[in-house]
Amino acid sequence: MSSSTHFDILIVGAGLAGSSLACALRGSRFRVGLVERQPPSLVEGWDARIYAISPANVEFLQRCGAWEHLPRERILPVEKMDVRGDAGGKLAFSAYECGLQALAWIVESSRMADELWQTVRRQPNISVLCPASPVEMAVDSASATVMLEDGRRITASLVVAADGVNSWVRSQAGIATEMRPYGELGVVANFKCEKPHFGTAFQWFRPDGVLAYLPLPGNQISIVWSTPELHAQELLALAPEAFCARVAEAGGQQLGTLKLMTAPAGFSLRWMKAETLVAPRLALIGDAAHAVHPLSGHGINLGFQDAQALADVLLALPEFRDCGDVTALQRYARARAEETLLVRGTTDALQRLFKADVAPLNFLRNAGMSLVGAISPLRSVMARYAAGLF
């Protein structure tokens, strides 16, 4: 490659959101560049970082040409969800109630990342710049210029920030963020179960955080325990047998004895939103645009929907329109405003509601949960929220 190259669209970050956007633009008239520091790698055994992919995003990944290449034996549909409050509240619903095959599909992060990466590399209109690290960015009326660490100069009509919650591109563009740490870690691990889960996802709102059991093939589960940092560190320091016993006890022995498959790990949780999703010659997607608490399971689903919405706007542009024109990009921002506000607000409100240790709230939130569970139309609304159908 020459020292100076021009792309119509330069995507910085080849994580799930960035790679899916590149895939969604495959075969288009756009010349696309994808910048990434290092390629994804498959995890040996089962990946402890898993996602619940909504039905809408399964359709998007099918459109991207990646879904059909994922190994079927490592994907499981979530057919039911069982949610428990911290003082007797209960809520259960199923895919059947809203006419779906599944509420979500459980997929390992590294499997999705690898397949999207392989799909990108097969496309003639996409150039992968890896390993590559951006070090400077400038934007003028004609184009954006990104300098790479190895001296290459890249110009583009549009730069897409898909480089995560600590986005370098967003920072270079001077886009401010509102960020609030939750003071919690998400503790993740995989287990073999004594009892069958029957494709059910379980979630407990507990005094020490939110614990989720997500079903995996072969009567296995993956957990996410969102809990205050001190408690998380205590969990991570436990011996394997003690950790298994603690997780099984916290889940009310719902699936019997648990046997650890992957070493537990923890990651920091925070709420974040960027002040804008677009600027001249710039668009933000995925975690570069917003971060939410994992209790709703919608984080990566928001990122995929960002990628789909931006791809739809770009592909609909007439050939004479500049894809970096901010007036065109504002259509993408408008398309994403309602869903991101709803998910971000609802998820944050639930986290705050169940974190508060106030007797009247304890009663009301658990009574409310049970009331929703007892009324079919409300239960259906919750099922559609869990499935990402807004």
Protein backbone atom coordinates (compact mmCIF):
# COMPACT_ATOMS: atom_id res chain seq x y z
CA MET A 1 0.00 0.00 0.00
CA SER A 2 1.26 3.49 -0.81
CA SER A 3 2.02 6.00 1.93
CA SER A 4 -1.22 7.87 1.12
CA THR A 5 -4.52 6.10 0.52
CA HIS A 6 -8.09 7.34 0.18
CA PHE A 7 -11.24 5.51 1.28
CA ASP A 8 -14.86 6.57 1.08
CA ILE A 9 -15.37 5.19 4.60
CA LEU A 10 -12.69 4.49 7.19
CA ILE A 11 -13.85 2.41 10.17
CA VAL A 12 -11.54 2.61 13.19
CA GLY A 13 -12.00 -0.48 15.33
CA ALA A 14 -12.76 -4.01 14.13
CA GLY A 15 -14.72 -5.18 17.15
CA LEU A 16 -18.22 -6.56 16.72
CA ALA A 17 -19.84 -3.23 15.81
CA GLY A 18 -17.08 -2.06 13.45
CA SER A 19 -16.71 -5.39 11.65
CA SER A 20 -20.48 -5.79 11.26
CA LEU A 21 -20.71 -2.33 9.69
CA ALA A 22 -17.96 -3.25 7.22
CA CYS A 23 -19.80 -6.48 6.40
CA ALA A 24 -23.07 -4.60 5.91
CA LEU A 25 -21.29 -2.42 3.30
CA ARG A 26 -19.86 -5.38 1.42
CA GLY A 27 -20.52 -5.34 -2.30
CA SER A 28 -21.46 -1.64 -2.22
CA ARG A 29 -19.98 1.19 -4.27
CA PHE A 30 -18.04 2.40 -1.24
CA ARG A 31 -14.37 1.71 -0.80
CA VAL A 32 -14.05 0.82 2.87
CA GLY A 33 -10.97 0.72 5.11
CA LEU A 34 -10.95 -1.06 8.47
CA VAL A 35 -8.23 -0.13 10.97
CA GLU A 36 -7.42 -2.49 13.85
CA ARG A 37 -4.45 -2.95 16.19
CA GLN A 38 -4.64 -6.74 16.23
CA PRO A 39 -6.93 -9.41 14.75
CA PRO A 40 -9.40 -11.26 16.97
CA SER A 41 -8.40 -14.64 18.33
CA LEU A 42 -10.54 -17.65 19.15
CA VAL A 43 -10.68 -18.67 22.79
CA GLU A 44 -9.82 -22.30 23.53
CA GLY A 45 -12.76 -24.16 24.99
CA TRP A 46 -15.80 -22.02 25.79
CA ASP A 47 -15.49 -18.24 25.85
CA ALA A 48 -16.60 -16.73 29.19
CA ARG A 49 -17.63 -13.55 27.35
CA ILE A 50 -20.93 -14.41 25.70
CA TYR A 51 -23.79 -12.34 24.29
CA ALA A 52 -27.53 -12.77 23.99
CA ILE A 53 -28.22 -11.70 20.40
CA SER A 54 -31.72 -10.38 19.74
CA PRO A 55 -33.84 -11.79 16.88
CA ALA A 56 -33.50 -8.49 14.99
CA ASN A 57 -29.73 -8.71 15.18
CA VAL A 58 -29.71 -12.34 14.07
CA GLU A 59 -31.39 -11.03 10.91
CA PHE A 60 -28.74 -8.31 10.63
CA LEU A 61 -25.90 -10.82 10.99
CA GLN A 62 -27.57 -12.97 8.33
CA ARG A 63 -27.59 -9.93 6.06
CA CYS A 64 -23.91 -9.42 6.88
CA GLY A 65 -23.16 -12.95 5.67
CA ALA A 66 -21.71 -14.06 9.01
CA TRP A 67 -24.50 -15.81 10.93
CA GLU A 68 -24.75 -18.88 8.71
CA HIS A 69 -21.03 -19.60 9.19
CA LEU A 70 -21.19 -19.73 13.00
CA PRO A 71 -21.03 -23.31 14.34
CA ARG A 72 -24.59 -24.40 15.17
CA GLU A 73 -23.43 -26.66 18.00
CA ARG A 74 -22.12 -23.60 19.90
CA ILE A 75 -25.30 -21.52 19.65
CA LEU A 76 -28.38 -21.91 21.84
CA PRO A 77 -31.81 -20.23 21.66
CA VAL A 78 -33.18 -18.70 24.86
CA GLU A 79 -36.76 -19.92 24.99
CA LYS A 80 -37.78 -18.67 28.44
CA MET A 81 -36.71 -16.12 31.02
CA ASP A 82 -37.17 -16.41 34.79
CA VAL A 83 -36.56 -13.22 36.79
CA ARG A 84 -36.58 -13.01 40.59
CA GLY A 85 -36.58 -9.93 42.82
CA ASP A 86 -34.77 -9.55 46.13
CA ALA A 87 -37.92 -9.88 48.25
CA GLY A 88 -40.16 -12.45 46.59
CA GLY A 89 -40.88 -10.73 43.28
CA LYS A 90 -41.28 -13.10 40.30
CA LEU A 91 -41.57 -12.60 36.57
CA ALA A 92 -41.42 -15.31 33.90
CA PHE A 93 -42.09 -15.12 30.17
CA SER A 94 -41.35 -17.04 27.00
CA ALA A 95 -40.60 -16.61 23.32
CA TYR A 96 -43.92 -18.34 22.61
CA GLU A 97 -45.83 -15.44 24.20
CA CYS A 98 -44.60 -12.98 21.58
CA GLY A 99 -44.60 -15.39 18.65
CA LEU A 100 -40.83 -15.81 18.43
CA GLN A 101 -38.65 -18.83 17.92
CA ALA A 102 -36.34 -17.47 20.63
CA LEU A 103 -36.06 -14.46 22.95
CA ALA A 104 -32.36 -14.35 22.05
CA TRP A 105 -29.54 -16.51 20.77
CA ILE A 106 -26.52 -17.16 22.98
CA VAL A 107 -23.24 -16.78 21.07
CA GLU A 108 -19.62 -16.57 22.23
CA SER A 109 -17.96 -13.19 21.69
CA SER A 110 -14.78 -14.62 20.15
CA ARG A 111 -16.73 -16.80 17.68
CA MET A 112 -18.72 -13.81 16.41
CA ALA A 113 -15.62 -11.60 16.24
CA ASP A 114 -13.65 -14.21 14.30
CA GLU A 115 -16.44 -14.91 11.80
CA LEU A 116 -17.09 -11.21 11.15
CA TRP A 117 -13.35 -10.72 10.68
CA GLN A 118 -13.16 -13.59 8.19
CA THR A 119 -16.22 -12.26 6.34
CA VAL A 120 -14.65 -8.80 6.09
CA ARG A 121 -11.42 -10.22 4.69
CA ARG A 122 -13.31 -11.93 1.86
CA GLN A 123 -14.76 -8.67 0.48
CA PRO A 124 -13.12 -6.97 -2.55
CA ASN A 125 -14.32 -3.48 -1.60
CA ILE A 126 -12.90 -3.66 1.96
CA SER A 127 -9.23 -3.19 2.85
CA VAL A 128 -8.09 -4.38 6.27
CA LEU A 129 -5.31 -2.29 7.83
CA CYS A 130 -3.94 -4.54 10.58
CA PRO A 131 -1.83 -4.23 12.61
CA ALA A 132 -2.32 -0.48 12.52
CA SER A 133 -2.74 2.22 15.16
CA PRO A 134 -3.98 5.77 14.46
CA VAL A 135 -1.94 8.57 16.03
CA GLU A 136 -3.31 11.79 14.49
CA MET A 137 -6.60 12.90 12.97
CA ALA A 138 -7.64 16.11 11.26
CA VAL A 139 -10.92 17.04 9.61
CA ASP A 140 -11.54 19.74 7.01
CA SER A 141 -14.35 20.54 4.59
CA ALA A 142 -13.05 18.13 1.94
CA SER A 143 -12.07 15.04 3.95
CA ALA A 144 -10.76 13.55 7.17
CA THR A 145 -7.09 12.59 7.45
CA VAL A 146 -5.82 9.87 9.77
CA MET A 147 -2.12 9.27 10.29
CA LEU A 148 -1.08 5.77 11.31
CA GLU A 149 1.76 4.91 13.65
CA ASP A 150 3.77 3.38 10.79
CA GLY A 151 3.66 6.65 8.81
CA ARG A 152 0.83 5.83 6.43
CA ARG A 153 -1.53 8.70 5.65
CA ILE A 154 -5.19 7.79 5.16
CA THR A 155 -7.85 10.16 3.89
CA ALA A 156 -11.55 9.41 3.97
CA SER A 157 -14.86 11.07 3.25
CA LEU A 158 -16.22 9.56 6.48
CA VAL A 159 -14.49 8.21 9.59
CA VAL A 160 -16.53 5.86 11.79
CA ALA A 161 -15.52 5.56 15.45
CA ALA A 162 -16.00 1.92 16.44
CA ASP A 163 -13.07 1.85 18.84
CA GLY A 164 -14.83 1.26 22.14
CA VAL A 165 -15.85 3.13 25.24
CA ASN A 166 -12.47 4.89 25.49
CA SER A 167 -12.67 5.88 21.81
CA TRP A 168 -9.53 7.53 20.44
CA VAL A 169 -11.47 8.88 17.45
CA ARG A 170 -14.16 10.44 19.65
CA SER A 171 -11.47 12.08 21.78
CA GLN A 172 -9.62 13.43 18.73
CA ALA A 173 -12.87 14.89 17.41
CA GLY A 174 -13.46 16.68 20.72
CA ILE A 175 -16.84 15.04 21.32
CA ALA A 176 -17.64 15.20 25.01
CA THR A 177 -19.17 12.33 26.96
CA GLU A 178 -21.26 11.98 30.05
CA MET A 179 -19.81 9.04 31.97
CA ARG A 180 -20.69 7.53 35.33
CA PRO A 181 -18.94 4.46 36.80
CA TYR A 182 -21.32 2.08 38.56
CA GLY A 183 -18.66 1.08 41.07
CA GLU A 184 -19.30 -2.51 40.04
CA LEU A 185 -17.57 -5.32 38.18
CA GLY A 186 -19.25 -7.83 35.91
CA VAL A 187 -17.92 -11.23 37.03
CA VAL A 188 -18.14 -13.81 34.22
CA ALA A 189 -17.49 -17.57 34.13
CA ASN A 190 -18.86 -20.78 32.57
CA PHE A 191 -20.11 -23.89 34.37
CA LYS A 192 -21.40 -27.38 33.81
CA CYS A 193 -24.76 -27.90 35.54
CA GLU A 194 -26.15 -30.84 37.50
CA LYS A 195 -29.73 -30.10 36.40
CA PRO A 196 -30.98 -29.19 32.89
CA HIS A 197 -31.72 -25.53 32.13
CA PHE A 198 -34.20 -26.26 29.28
CA GLY A 199 -33.09 -23.17 27.38
CA THR A 200 -34.09 -20.85 30.22
CA ALA A 201 -32.18 -17.72 31.21
CA PHE A 202 -32.37 -16.88 34.91
CA GLN A 203 -31.83 -13.52 36.55
CA TRP A 204 -31.78 -12.61 40.23
CA PHE A 205 -31.89 -9.05 41.57
CA ARG A 206 -30.02 -9.51 44.83
CA PRO A 207 -28.82 -7.20 47.61
CA ASP A 208 -25.28 -7.81 46.33
CA GLY A 209 -26.06 -7.12 42.66
CA VAL A 210 -27.64 -8.77 39.64
CA LEU A 211 -26.82 -12.40 38.84
CA ALA A 212 -27.69 -13.89 35.44
CA TYR A 213 -27.45 -17.52 34.30
CA LEU A 214 -27.34 -17.69 30.50
CA PRO A 215 -27.89 -21.14 28.97
CA LEU A 216 -25.21 -22.74 26.81
CA PRO A 217 -25.41 -25.93 24.72
CA GLY A 218 -24.73 -29.22 26.46
CA ASN A 219 -26.37 -28.31 29.78
CA GLN A 220 -23.84 -25.62 30.53
CA ILE A 221 -24.28 -21.99 31.56
CA SER A 222 -22.42 -18.73 31.45
CA ILE A 223 -22.92 -16.26 34.27
CA VAL A 224 -22.67 -12.50 34.63
CA TRP A 225 -22.72 -11.31 38.24
CA SER A 226 -22.84 -7.50 38.30
CA THR A 227 -21.79 -6.67 41.83
CA PRO A 228 -19.98 -3.96 43.86
CA GLU A 229 -16.21 -3.98 43.31
CA LEU A 230 -15.27 -5.21 46.80
CA HIS A 231 -17.68 -8.15 46.57
CA ALA A 232 -16.46 -8.89 43.04
CA GLN A 233 -12.85 -9.01 44.20
CA GLU A 234 -13.90 -11.37 47.00
CA LEU A 235 -15.58 -13.67 44.46
CA LEU A 236 -12.58 -13.60 42.13
CA ALA A 237 -10.25 -14.55 44.98
CA LEU A 238 -12.22 -17.68 45.92
CA ALA A 239 -10.90 -21.18 45.23
CA PRO A 240 -12.74 -22.85 42.31
CA GLU A 241 -14.89 -25.12 44.50
CA ALA A 242 -15.86 -22.24 46.81
CA PHE A 243 -16.68 -20.01 43.83
CA CYS A 244 -18.93 -22.72 42.34
CA ALA A 245 -20.72 -23.16 45.66
CA ARG A 246 -21.22 -19.38 46.03
CA VAL A 247 -22.70 -19.02 42.52
CA ALA A 248 -24.98 -22.04 43.00
CA GLU A 249 -26.17 -20.72 46.38
CA ALA A 250 -26.81 -17.24 44.97
CA GLY A 251 -28.98 -18.86 42.29
CA GLY A 252 -31.00 -20.78 44.87
CA GLN A 253 -29.53 -24.11 43.69
CA GLN A 254 -31.77 -23.72 40.64
CA LEU A 255 -29.49 -25.90 38.50
CA GLY A 256 -27.98 -27.96 41.30
CA THR A 257 -24.24 -28.39 41.71
CA LEU A 258 -22.07 -26.33 39.37
CA LYS A 259 -18.66 -27.30 38.03
CA LEU A 260 -16.34 -24.55 36.79
CA MET A 261 -15.33 -24.69 33.11
CA THR A 262 -13.53 -21.35 32.73
CA ALA A 263 -11.65 -19.24 35.25
CA PRO A 264 -13.77 -16.28 36.44
CA ALA A 265 -12.88 -12.81 35.21
CA GLY A 266 -14.17 -9.32 36.01
CA PHE A 267 -14.69 -6.16 33.97
CA SER A 268 -15.66 -2.65 35.08
CA LEU A 269 -19.21 -1.42 34.49
CA ARG A 270 -20.14 2.13 33.60
CA TRP A 271 -22.86 4.23 32.04
CA MET A 272 -21.83 6.52 29.19
CA LYS A 273 -23.30 8.55 26.39
CA ALA A 274 -21.62 10.77 23.83
CA GLU A 275 -23.04 14.27 23.40
CA THR A 276 -23.60 13.57 19.70
CA LEU A 277 -23.42 10.55 17.41
CA VAL A 278 -22.33 12.55 14.39
CA ALA A 279 -20.15 15.49 13.36
CA PRO A 280 -18.82 16.61 9.96
CA ARG A 281 -17.16 13.51 8.42
CA LEU A 282 -17.61 11.52 11.61
CA ALA A 283 -20.06 8.98 13.04
CA LEU A 284 -19.96 7.01 16.31
CA ILE A 285 -21.25 3.46 16.75
CA GLY A 286 -21.28 0.83 19.49
CA ASP A 287 -19.45 1.44 22.74
CA ALA A 288 -17.85 4.58 21.29
CA ALA A 289 -21.37 6.05 21.32
CA HIS A 290 -22.91 4.60 24.48
CA ALA A 291 -22.37 2.10 27.29
CA VAL A 292 -25.11 0.49 29.38
CA HIS A 293 -25.36 -1.82 32.38
CA PRO A 294 -25.37 -5.51 31.33
CA LEU A 295 -28.50 -6.38 33.33
CA SER A 296 -30.68 -5.88 30.21
CA GLY A 297 -28.33 -7.77 27.89
CA HIS A 298 -28.75 -5.09 25.23
CA GLY A 299 -25.23 -3.61 25.03
CA ILE A 300 -23.96 -5.40 21.92
CA ASN A 301 -27.46 -5.38 20.46
CA LEU A 302 -27.38 -1.59 20.50
CA GLY A 303 -24.01 -1.69 18.72
CA PHE A 304 -25.29 -3.99 15.98
CA GLN A 305 -28.36 -1.80 15.50
CA ASP A 306 -26.09 1.26 15.23
CA ALA A 307 -24.14 -0.51 12.48
CA GLN A 308 -27.31 -1.50 10.65
CA ALA A 309 -28.84 1.97 10.87
CA LEU A 310 -25.65 3.69 9.65
CA ALA A 311 -25.25 1.18 6.82
CA ASP A 312 -28.87 1.76 5.77
CA VAL A 313 -28.35 5.54 5.66
CA LEU A 314 -25.10 5.24 3.68
CA LEU A 315 -26.45 2.70 1.19
CA ALA A 316 -29.51 4.86 0.54
CA LEU A 317 -27.43 7.92 -0.43
CA PRO A 318 -27.48 8.89 -4.11
CA GLU A 319 -24.09 8.51 -5.77
CA PHE A 320 -23.62 12.29 -5.97
CA ARG A 321 -24.05 12.75 -2.19
CA ASP A 322 -20.96 13.03 0.00
CA CYS A 323 -21.14 10.23 2.61
CA GLY A 324 -19.39 12.48 5.13
CA ASP A 325 -21.95 15.29 4.85
CA VAL A 326 -23.23 15.89 8.36
CA THR A 327 -26.78 16.58 7.14
CA ALA A 328 -26.88 13.06 5.70
CA LEU A 329 -25.33 11.59 8.86
CA GLN A 330 -27.96 13.25 11.01
CA ARG A 331 -30.46 10.78 9.57
CA TYR A 332 -28.48 8.07 11.32
CA ALA A 333 -28.47 10.01 14.60
CA ARG A 334 -32.24 10.50 14.41
CA ALA A 335 -32.78 6.82 13.60
CA ARG A 336 -30.90 5.77 16.73
CA ALA A 337 -32.17 8.40 19.16
CA GLU A 338 -35.33 6.67 20.42
CA GLU A 339 -34.01 3.15 20.98
CA THR A 340 -30.76 4.19 22.65
CA LEU A 341 -32.60 6.60 24.95
CA LEU A 342 -35.14 3.91 25.87
CA VAL A 343 -32.59 1.16 26.56
CA ARG A 344 -30.11 3.44 28.33
CA GLY A 345 -32.81 5.02 30.49
CA THR A 346 -34.69 1.83 31.32
CA THR A 347 -31.57 -0.15 32.14
CA ASP A 348 -30.14 2.60 34.32
CA ALA A 349 -33.47 3.06 36.12
CA LEU A 350 -33.69 -0.68 36.88
CA GLN A 351 -30.13 -0.71 38.20
CA ARG A 352 -30.85 2.25 40.49
CA LEU A 353 -34.21 0.86 41.61
CA PHE A 354 -32.83 -2.49 42.73
CA LYS A 355 -29.64 -1.02 44.18
CA ALA A 356 -31.57 1.21 46.59
CA ASP A 357 -31.99 -0.43 50.01
CA VAL A 358 -35.12 1.38 51.18
CA ALA A 359 -37.97 -0.65 52.68
CA PRO A 360 -40.87 0.97 50.73
CA LEU A 361 -38.94 0.58 47.47
CA ASN A 362 -38.12 -3.04 48.30
CA PHE A 363 -41.82 -3.78 48.58
CA LEU A 364 -42.91 -1.76 45.55
CA ARG A 365 -40.31 -3.09 43.10
CA ASN A 366 -40.99 -6.71 44.02
CA ALA A 367 -44.78 -6.24 44.06
CA GLY A 368 -44.52 -4.51 40.69
CA MET A 369 -42.47 -7.38 39.26
CA SER A 370 -45.03 -9.94 40.44
CA LEU A 371 -47.92 -7.80 39.12
CA VAL A 372 -46.34 -7.61 35.66
CA GLY A 373 -45.82 -11.37 35.78
CA ALA A 374 -49.49 -11.94 36.54
CA ILE A 375 -50.90 -9.79 33.71
CA SER A 376 -50.48 -11.33 30.27
CA PRO A 377 -50.27 -8.11 28.17
CA LEU A 378 -47.67 -6.60 30.51
CA ARG A 379 -45.75 -9.87 30.53
CA SER A 380 -45.76 -9.81 26.73
CA VAL A 381 -44.37 -6.28 26.76
CA MET A 382 -41.51 -7.43 28.98
CA ALA A 383 -40.87 -10.41 26.71
CA ARG A 384 -40.62 -8.11 23.72
CA TYR A 385 -38.25 -5.80 25.63
CA ALA A 386 -36.05 -8.78 26.51
CA ALA A 387 -36.05 -9.79 22.83
CA GLY A 388 -35.08 -6.29 21.72
CA LEU A 389 -38.43 -5.63 20.05
CA PHE A 390 -39.31 -2.03 20.88
